C-alpha atoms as a PDB file:
ATOM      1  CA  MET A   1      46.448  90.951  52.512  1.00  0.00           C
ATOM      2  CA  ILE A   2      48.805  93.751  53.452  1.00  0.00           C
ATOM      3  CA  THR A   3      52.461  93.357  54.257  1.00  0.00           C
ATOM      4  CA  VAL A   4      54.087  95.958  56.480  1.00  0.00           C
ATOM      5  CA  THR A   5      57.764  96.255  57.308  1.00  0.00           C
ATOM      6  CA  LEU A   6      58.514  97.503  60.809  1.00  0.00           C
ATOM      7  CA  SER A   7      61.804  98.468  62.361  1.00  0.00           C
ATOM      8  CA  ASP A   8      63.205  95.821  64.683  1.00  0.00           C
ATOM      9  CA  GLU A   9      62.429  98.009  67.708  1.00  0.00           C
ATOM     10  CA  LEU A  10      58.833  98.657  66.676  1.00  0.00           C
ATOM     11  CA  GLU A  11      58.262  95.007  65.807  1.00  0.00           C
ATOM     12  CA  ALA A  12      59.533  93.935  69.243  1.00  0.00           C
ATOM     13  CA  ALA A  13      57.321  96.504  70.960  1.00  0.00           C
ATOM     14  CA  VAL A  14      54.232  95.370  69.038  1.00  0.00           C
ATOM     15  CA  GLN A  15      54.936  91.719  69.770  1.00  0.00           C
ATOM     16  CA  SER A  16      55.391  92.502  73.467  1.00  0.00           C
ATOM     17  CA  ALA A  17      52.139  94.448  73.563  1.00  0.00           C
ATOM     18  CA  ALA A  18      50.242  91.569  71.913  1.00  0.00           C
ATOM     19  CA  GLU A  19      51.726  89.119  74.418  1.00  0.00           C
ATOM     20  CA  ARG A  20      50.745  91.362  77.356  1.00  0.00           C
ATOM     21  CA  LYS A  21      47.185  91.457  76.048  1.00  0.00           C
ATOM     22  CA  GLY A  22      47.224  87.698  75.532  1.00  0.00           C
ATOM     23  CA  VAL A  23      46.276  87.862  71.867  1.00  0.00           C
ATOM     24  CA  SER A  24      47.944  86.875  68.637  1.00  0.00           C
ATOM     25  CA  LEU A  25      49.991  89.405  66.732  1.00  0.00           C
ATOM     26  CA  ASP A  26      47.430  89.339  63.902  1.00  0.00           C
ATOM     27  CA  ASP A  27      44.532  89.977  66.300  1.00  0.00           C
ATOM     28  CA  TYR A  28      46.428  92.764  68.044  1.00  0.00           C
ATOM     29  CA  LEU A  29      47.287  94.543  64.796  1.00  0.00           C
ATOM     30  CA  THR A  30      43.732  94.087  63.529  1.00  0.00           C
ATOM     31  CA  ALA A  31      42.403  95.770  66.685  1.00  0.00           C
ATOM     32  CA  ILE A  32      44.926  98.605  66.398  1.00  0.00           C
ATOM     33  CA  CYS A  33      43.999  99.244  62.762  1.00  0.00           C
ATOM     34  CA  SER A  34      40.269  99.120  63.558  1.00  0.00           C
ATOM     35  CA  GLU A  35      40.706 101.666  66.349  1.00  0.00           C
ATOM     36  CA  ALA A  36      42.776 103.943  64.102  1.00  0.00           C
ATOM     37  CA  LEU A  37      40.119 103.810  61.372  1.00  0.00           C
ATOM     38  CA  ALA A  38      37.357 104.561  63.879  1.00  0.00           C
ATOM     39  CA  LEU A  39      39.309 107.598  65.077  1.00  0.00           C
ATOM     40  CA  GLU A  40      39.785 108.739  61.488  1.00  0.00           C
ATOM     41  CA  THR A  41      36.052 108.383  60.844  1.00  0.00           C
ATOM     42  CA  ASP A  42      35.302 110.432  63.952  1.00  0.00           C
ATOM     43  CA  ARG A  43      37.846 113.071  62.888  1.00  0.00           C
ATOM     44  CA  VAL A  44      36.183 113.387  59.479  1.00  0.00           C
ATOM     45  CA  ARG A  45      32.748 113.627  61.113  1.00  0.00           C
ATOM     46  CA  LEU A  46      33.970 116.341  63.484  1.00  0.00           C
ATOM     47  CA  GLN A  47      35.512 118.326  60.633  1.00  0.00           C
ATOM     48  CA  SER A  48      32.263 118.033  58.722  1.00  0.00           C
ATOM     49  CA  TYR A  49      30.294 119.255  61.736  1.00  0.00           C
ATOM     50  CA  LEU A  50      32.666 122.153  62.338  1.00  0.00           C
ATOM     51  CA  ALA A  51      32.362 123.099  58.652  1.00  0.00           C
ATOM     52  CA  GLY A  52      28.587 123.386  59.100  1.00  0.00           C
ATOM     53  CA  THR A  53      27.584 120.223  57.270  1.00  0.00           C
ATOM     54  CA  PRO A  54      24.288 118.966  58.672  1.00  0.00           C
ATOM     55  CA  GLY A  55      24.593 115.977  60.994  1.00  0.00           C
ATOM     56  CA  VAL A  56      21.983 113.458  62.020  1.00  0.00           C
ATOM     57  CA  SER A  57      18.463 114.861  62.055  1.00  0.00           C
ATOM     58  CA  GLN A  58      16.730 115.258  65.409  1.00  0.00           C
ATOM     59  CA  GLN A  59      13.989 112.884  64.213  1.00  0.00           C
ATOM     60  CA  ARG A  60      16.531 110.159  63.409  1.00  0.00           C
ATOM     61  CA  ALA A  61      18.326 110.671  66.733  1.00  0.00           C
ATOM     62  CA  ASP A  62      15.026 110.516  68.648  1.00  0.00           C
ATOM     63  CA  ALA A  63      14.043 107.290  66.869  1.00  0.00           C
ATOM     64  CA  TRP A  64      17.386 105.713  67.734  1.00  0.00           C
ATOM     65  CA  LEU A  65      17.073 106.768  71.383  1.00  0.00           C
ATOM     66  CA  ALA A  66      13.540 105.358  71.564  1.00  0.00           C
ATOM     67  CA  GLU A  67      14.743 102.016  70.200  1.00  0.00           C
ATOM     68  CA  LEU A  68      17.651 102.033  72.655  1.00  0.00           C
ATOM     69  CA  ALA A  69      15.248 102.716  75.552  1.00  0.00           C
ATOM     70  CA  ALA A  70      13.108  99.792  74.354  1.00  0.00           C
ATOM     71  CA  GLY A  71      16.127  97.491  74.588  1.00  0.00           C
ATOM     72  CA  LYS A  72      16.896  97.390  70.872  1.00  0.00           C
ATOM     73  CA  ARG A  73      20.619  98.078  70.572  1.00  0.00           C
ATOM     74  CA  SER A  74      21.974  99.371  67.287  1.00  0.00           C
ATOM     75  CA  PRO A  75      24.925 101.533  66.244  1.00  0.00           C
ATOM     76  CA  CYS A  76      24.597 105.242  66.858  1.00  0.00           C
ATOM     77  CA  PRO A  77      23.308 106.958  63.701  1.00  0.00           C
ATOM     78  CA  ARG A  78      25.911 108.826  61.740  1.00  0.00           C
END
């Protein structure tokens, strides 16, 4: 468990946002953190690509696309 101290203004804004979305404060903050981590992962992947580090092989990408076309959903290969 993590405890975070927010300013009164930020806490009120976060609570209002959670209420507008109709979710609990815990669920709202969990979603925000998940989105931030996904963005960080994408940023790291982009930096790696720009640095010339090999990405997903064409063979692996083609296999994933074939499965997707066959109706088998899975996360995009990374």
